[in-house]
């Protein structure tokens, strides 16, 4: 029994329990630092609203300002809106954490590439929040937007002040889309059932729909979130050259 227990531990925890503690501590520290810095960014409301209006003007010029129509069409179904709100709340917590745990336990050789990619993406996002603070669509009811997540949870966003862990003007880039790409596409390459593979490939598109219909991001935010994920993946691939045995995507 002892030999079997050791074999099971070696299979599930190939680098030992200490590595689990290190990874959890690293992610916790990186995410807390990300939230703290994001919350401390000096984002004046007037600048954030002006930048958001510039995004609307740019999308209208390109004839891609479809967010009000998409949200309005989805609002005709209370179920669809509630599902989108639930996914928005859980995408960066339940889904992402579960995916990372699965990667660590069952595809450990690929975990470290994804870890590096996500840490780099959070650092890149902070640059975006500093350089281009932007208000989310839900702050523009004159365009027909509404806060679907607040309606779903019953928690209103009456206060939009920046605090230690929250910055309502950190909409560019959309980290929901960035996280969805950094989790969805690696898992699509690692899972075996074709149905799951297709589902993970489609996951970033689902999240893009979610952030639009909940009134939290413009399509431009989603595009810049995808660019953030792409830059993070490229950076992780450069980091893998330094330690290919440990940090490459296998």
Protein backbone atom coordinates (compact mmCIF):
# COMPACT_ATOMS: atom_id res chain seq x y z
CA UNK A 1 0.00 0.00 0.00
CA UNK A 2 2.85 2.38 0.81
CA UNK A 3 4.47 1.66 -2.54
CA UNK A 4 1.17 2.31 -4.32
CA UNK A 5 0.69 5.56 -2.43
CA UNK A 6 4.16 6.71 -3.43
CA UNK A 7 3.53 5.76 -7.05
CA UNK A 8 0.24 7.69 -7.02
CA UNK A 9 1.93 10.72 -5.51
CA UNK A 10 4.74 10.55 -8.07
CA UNK A 11 2.19 10.44 -10.88
CA UNK A 12 -0.05 13.25 -9.53
CA UNK A 13 2.73 15.35 -8.01
CA UNK A 14 5.80 14.68 -10.13
CA UNK A 15 7.79 17.43 -8.43
CA UNK A 16 6.60 16.73 -4.91
CA UNK A 17 4.27 18.60 -2.53
CA UNK A 18 6.73 21.48 -2.17
CA UNK A 19 6.29 22.36 -5.84
CA UNK A 20 2.51 22.54 -5.36
CA UNK A 21 3.02 25.03 -2.55
CA UNK A 22 5.40 27.05 -4.72
CA UNK A 23 2.98 27.21 -7.65
CA UNK A 24 0.01 28.18 -5.49
CA UNK A 25 2.09 30.84 -3.74
CA UNK A 26 3.38 32.18 -7.07
CA UNK A 27 -0.08 32.46 -8.62
CA UNK A 28 -1.55 33.96 -5.45
CA UNK A 29 1.24 36.55 -5.20
CA UNK A 30 1.08 37.41 -8.90
CA UNK A 31 -2.71 37.76 -8.92
CA UNK A 32 -2.77 39.79 -5.69
CA UNK A 33 -0.06 42.11 -7.04
CA UNK A 34 -2.00 42.39 -10.30
CA UNK A 35 -5.20 43.35 -8.46
CA UNK A 36 -3.43 45.76 -6.11
CA UNK A 37 -1.59 47.59 -8.89
CA UNK A 38 -4.73 47.61 -11.03
CA UNK A 39 -6.66 49.12 -8.12
CA UNK A 40 -4.00 51.76 -7.45
CA UNK A 41 -3.81 52.95 -11.05
CA UNK A 42 -4.75 56.62 -11.10
CA UNK A 43 -7.63 56.40 -13.54
CA UNK A 44 -9.57 59.65 -13.61
CA UNK A 45 -13.19 59.12 -14.56
CA UNK A 46 -13.15 61.90 -17.14
CA UNK A 47 -10.20 60.35 -19.00
CA UNK A 48 -11.69 56.84 -18.78
CA UNK A 49 -15.03 57.98 -20.19
CA UNK A 50 -13.34 59.98 -22.95
CA UNK A 51 -11.25 56.97 -23.95
CA UNK A 52 -14.33 54.76 -24.01
CA UNK A 53 -16.13 57.27 -26.23
CA UNK A 54 -13.12 57.24 -28.55
CA UNK A 55 -13.44 53.45 -28.75
CA UNK A 56 -17.12 53.81 -29.65
CA UNK A 57 -16.26 56.36 -32.35
CA UNK A 58 -13.56 54.08 -33.76
CA UNK A 59 -15.89 51.09 -33.87
CA UNK A 60 -18.62 53.17 -35.49
CA UNK A 61 -16.13 54.35 -38.13
CA UNK A 62 -15.21 50.73 -38.82
CA UNK A 63 -18.92 49.72 -38.80
CA UNK A 64 -18.35 47.16 -36.04
CA UNK A 65 -20.22 48.90 -33.22
CA UNK A 66 -22.66 46.03 -32.77
CA UNK A 67 -22.47 45.64 -28.98
CA UNK A 68 -25.79 47.43 -28.18
CA UNK A 69 -27.62 45.30 -30.74
CA UNK A 70 -26.04 42.08 -29.46
CA UNK A 71 -26.83 42.88 -25.84
CA UNK A 72 -30.35 44.00 -26.71
CA UNK A 73 -31.03 40.83 -28.72
CA UNK A 74 -29.73 38.60 -25.93
CA UNK A 75 -31.77 40.50 -23.34
CA UNK A 76 -34.92 39.08 -24.94
CA UNK A 77 -34.00 35.81 -23.23
CA UNK A 78 -33.61 36.05 -19.47
CA UNK A 79 -32.02 32.59 -19.42
CA UNK A 80 -29.33 33.55 -21.94
CA UNK A 81 -28.52 36.75 -20.05
CA UNK A 82 -28.31 34.91 -16.71
CA UNK A 83 -26.10 32.20 -18.22
CA UNK A 84 -23.80 34.86 -19.66
CA UNK A 85 -23.62 36.62 -16.28
CA UNK A 86 -22.83 33.35 -14.51
CA UNK A 87 -20.05 32.59 -16.98
CA UNK A 88 -18.65 36.11 -16.60
CA UNK A 89 -18.45 35.70 -12.81
CA UNK A 90 -16.88 32.24 -12.96
CA UNK A 91 -14.64 32.42 -16.06
CA UNK A 92 -11.62 33.87 -14.30
CA UNK A 93 -12.15 31.96 -11.06
CA UNK A 94 -13.82 28.56 -11.21
CA UNK A 95 -13.02 27.73 -14.84
CA UNK A 96 -9.46 29.08 -14.88
CA UNK A 97 -8.45 27.60 -11.53
CA UNK A 98 -9.98 24.22 -12.39
CA UNK A 99 -8.14 24.20 -15.72
CA UNK A 100 -4.83 25.05 -14.05
CA UNK A 101 -5.32 22.28 -11.47
CA UNK A 102 -6.07 19.78 -14.25
CA UNK A 103 -3.00 20.91 -16.17
CA UNK A 104 -0.78 20.52 -13.12
CA UNK A 105 -2.08 17.09 -12.18
CA UNK A 106 -2.54 15.49 -15.60
CA UNK A 107 -0.39 17.47 -18.08
CA UNK A 108 2.32 18.71 -15.77
CA UNK A 109 4.88 19.00 -18.55
CA UNK A 110 2.74 21.75 -20.13
CA UNK A 111 1.70 23.54 -16.95
CA UNK A 112 4.77 25.73 -16.58
CA UNK A 113 4.47 27.26 -20.05
CA UNK A 114 0.86 28.24 -19.30
CA UNK A 115 1.90 29.57 -15.89
CA UNK A 116 4.57 31.80 -17.41
CA UNK A 117 2.18 32.95 -20.09
CA UNK A 118 -0.46 34.02 -17.58
CA UNK A 119 1.97 35.87 -15.32
CA UNK A 120 3.36 37.80 -18.30
CA UNK A 121 -0.17 38.60 -19.50
CA UNK A 122 -1.11 40.11 -16.14
CA UNK A 123 1.98 42.32 -16.26
CA UNK A 124 1.17 43.43 -19.81
CA UNK A 125 -2.42 44.21 -18.83
CA UNK A 126 -1.26 46.59 -16.14
CA UNK A 127 0.51 48.63 -18.81
CA UNK A 128 -2.77 48.91 -20.67
CA UNK A 129 -4.65 50.05 -17.58
CA UNK A 130 -2.05 52.76 -16.93
CA UNK A 131 -1.72 53.99 -20.51
CA UNK A 132 -5.37 53.72 -21.56
CA UNK A 133 -7.93 53.70 -18.72
CA UNK A 134 -11.37 53.09 -20.18
CA UNK A 135 -14.89 52.83 -18.83
CA UNK A 136 -16.86 49.66 -19.69
CA UNK A 137 -20.00 49.79 -21.86
CA UNK A 138 -22.34 49.39 -18.86
CA UNK A 139 -21.57 53.02 -17.94
CA UNK A 140 -23.19 54.24 -21.17
CA UNK A 141 -26.96 53.66 -20.81
CA UNK A 142 -27.53 56.34 -23.45
CA UNK A 143 -26.34 53.75 -25.99
CA UNK A 144 -28.72 51.15 -24.60
CA UNK A 145 -26.19 49.29 -22.43
CA UNK A 146 -27.10 47.83 -19.04
CA UNK A 147 -25.22 45.97 -16.30
CA UNK A 148 -26.40 42.38 -16.69
CA UNK A 149 -24.15 41.03 -13.92
CA UNK A 150 -25.58 43.47 -11.36
CA UNK A 151 -29.10 42.48 -12.42
CA UNK A 152 -28.16 38.81 -12.04
CA UNK A 153 -26.46 39.10 -8.64
CA UNK A 154 -28.61 41.85 -7.18
CA UNK A 155 -25.45 43.73 -6.23
CA UNK A 156 -25.58 47.21 -7.70
CA UNK A 157 -22.50 49.12 -8.82
CA UNK A 158 -23.55 52.46 -7.42
CA UNK A 159 -19.98 53.31 -6.45
CA UNK A 160 -17.43 53.34 -9.23
CA UNK A 161 -14.51 54.63 -7.20
CA UNK A 162 -11.10 53.06 -7.53
CA UNK A 163 -10.06 51.18 -4.40
CA UNK A 164 -7.26 48.83 -3.36
CA UNK A 165 -8.61 45.84 -5.28
CA UNK A 166 -11.06 47.29 -7.79
CA UNK A 167 -10.72 49.63 -10.72
CA UNK A 168 -13.91 50.00 -12.81
CA UNK A 169 -11.93 51.76 -15.54
CA UNK A 170 -9.60 48.83 -16.25
CA UNK A 171 -11.47 47.56 -19.30
CA UNK A 172 -8.62 47.60 -21.84
CA UNK A 173 -7.46 44.94 -22.47
CA UNK A 174 -10.15 42.39 -21.65
CA UNK A 175 -8.42 39.86 -19.44
CA UNK A 176 -11.48 37.62 -19.63
CA UNK A 177 -10.65 37.06 -23.30
CA UNK A 178 -6.92 36.82 -22.61
CA UNK A 179 -7.42 34.19 -19.89
CA UNK A 180 -9.89 32.29 -22.08
CA UNK A 181 -7.32 32.05 -24.87
CA UNK A 182 -4.46 31.11 -22.55
CA UNK A 183 -6.55 28.33 -21.01
CA UNK A 184 -8.79 27.30 -23.90
CA UNK A 185 -6.30 26.74 -26.69
CA UNK A 186 -3.66 24.88 -24.65
CA UNK A 187 -6.35 22.55 -23.29
CA UNK A 188 -7.75 22.07 -26.78
CA UNK A 189 -4.34 20.69 -27.78
CA UNK A 190 -4.04 18.48 -24.71
CA UNK A 191 -7.45 16.85 -24.22
CA UNK A 192 -8.26 13.74 -26.21
CA UNK A 193 -12.05 13.61 -26.83
CA UNK A 194 -12.88 15.55 -30.02
CA UNK A 195 -15.95 17.11 -28.37
CA UNK A 196 -13.88 18.55 -25.54
CA UNK A 197 -11.25 19.69 -27.99
CA UNK A 198 -13.84 21.59 -30.01
CA UNK A 199 -15.37 23.03 -26.84
CA UNK A 200 -12.04 24.41 -25.61
CA UNK A 201 -11.25 25.87 -29.03
CA UNK A 202 -14.64 27.63 -28.96
CA UNK A 203 -14.29 28.78 -25.35
CA UNK A 204 -12.63 32.15 -26.18
CA UNK A 205 -15.47 32.92 -28.61
CA UNK A 206 -18.00 32.09 -25.89
CA UNK A 207 -16.25 34.41 -23.46
CA UNK A 208 -16.16 37.17 -26.08
CA UNK A 209 -19.93 36.86 -26.41
CA UNK A 210 -20.25 36.90 -22.61
CA UNK A 211 -18.28 40.11 -22.07
CA UNK A 212 -20.34 41.89 -24.72
CA UNK A 213 -23.81 40.79 -23.64
CA UNK A 214 -23.08 41.55 -19.98
CA UNK A 215 -22.03 45.10 -20.86
CA UNK A 216 -18.49 44.75 -19.54
CA UNK A 217 -16.36 45.14 -22.66
CA UNK A 218 -16.36 46.43 -26.20
CA UNK A 219 -15.16 44.28 -29.09
CA UNK A 220 -12.04 46.46 -29.19
CA UNK A 221 -11.29 45.39 -25.60
CA UNK A 222 -11.64 41.76 -26.66
CA UNK A 223 -9.28 42.25 -29.59
CA UNK A 224 -6.66 43.87 -27.35
CA UNK A 225 -7.13 41.08 -24.82
CA UNK A 226 -6.36 38.58 -27.57
CA UNK A 227 -3.26 40.61 -28.48
CA UNK A 228 -2.19 40.49 -24.84
CA UNK A 229 -2.54 36.69 -24.83
CA UNK A 230 -0.55 36.47 -28.07
CA UNK A 231 2.29 38.61 -26.70
CA UNK A 232 2.28 36.59 -23.49
CA UNK A 233 2.50 33.33 -25.45
CA UNK A 234 5.40 34.69 -27.48
CA UNK A 235 7.16 35.80 -24.30
CA UNK A 236 6.60 32.38 -22.71
CA UNK A 237 8.11 30.73 -25.78
CA UNK A 238 11.19 32.96 -25.44
CA UNK A 239 11.42 32.06 -21.74
CA UNK A 240 11.20 28.38 -22.68
CA UNK A 241 14.46 28.68 -24.62
CA UNK A 242 16.23 29.39 -21.34
CA UNK A 243 14.85 26.24 -19.69
CA UNK A 244 13.35 24.05 -22.45
CA UNK A 245 13.08 20.96 -20.24
CA UNK A 246 11.02 22.81 -17.65
CA UNK A 247 9.20 25.68 -19.39
CA UNK A 248 8.43 24.47 -22.91
CA UNK A 249 4.89 23.57 -23.92
CA UNK A 250 4.88 19.80 -24.28
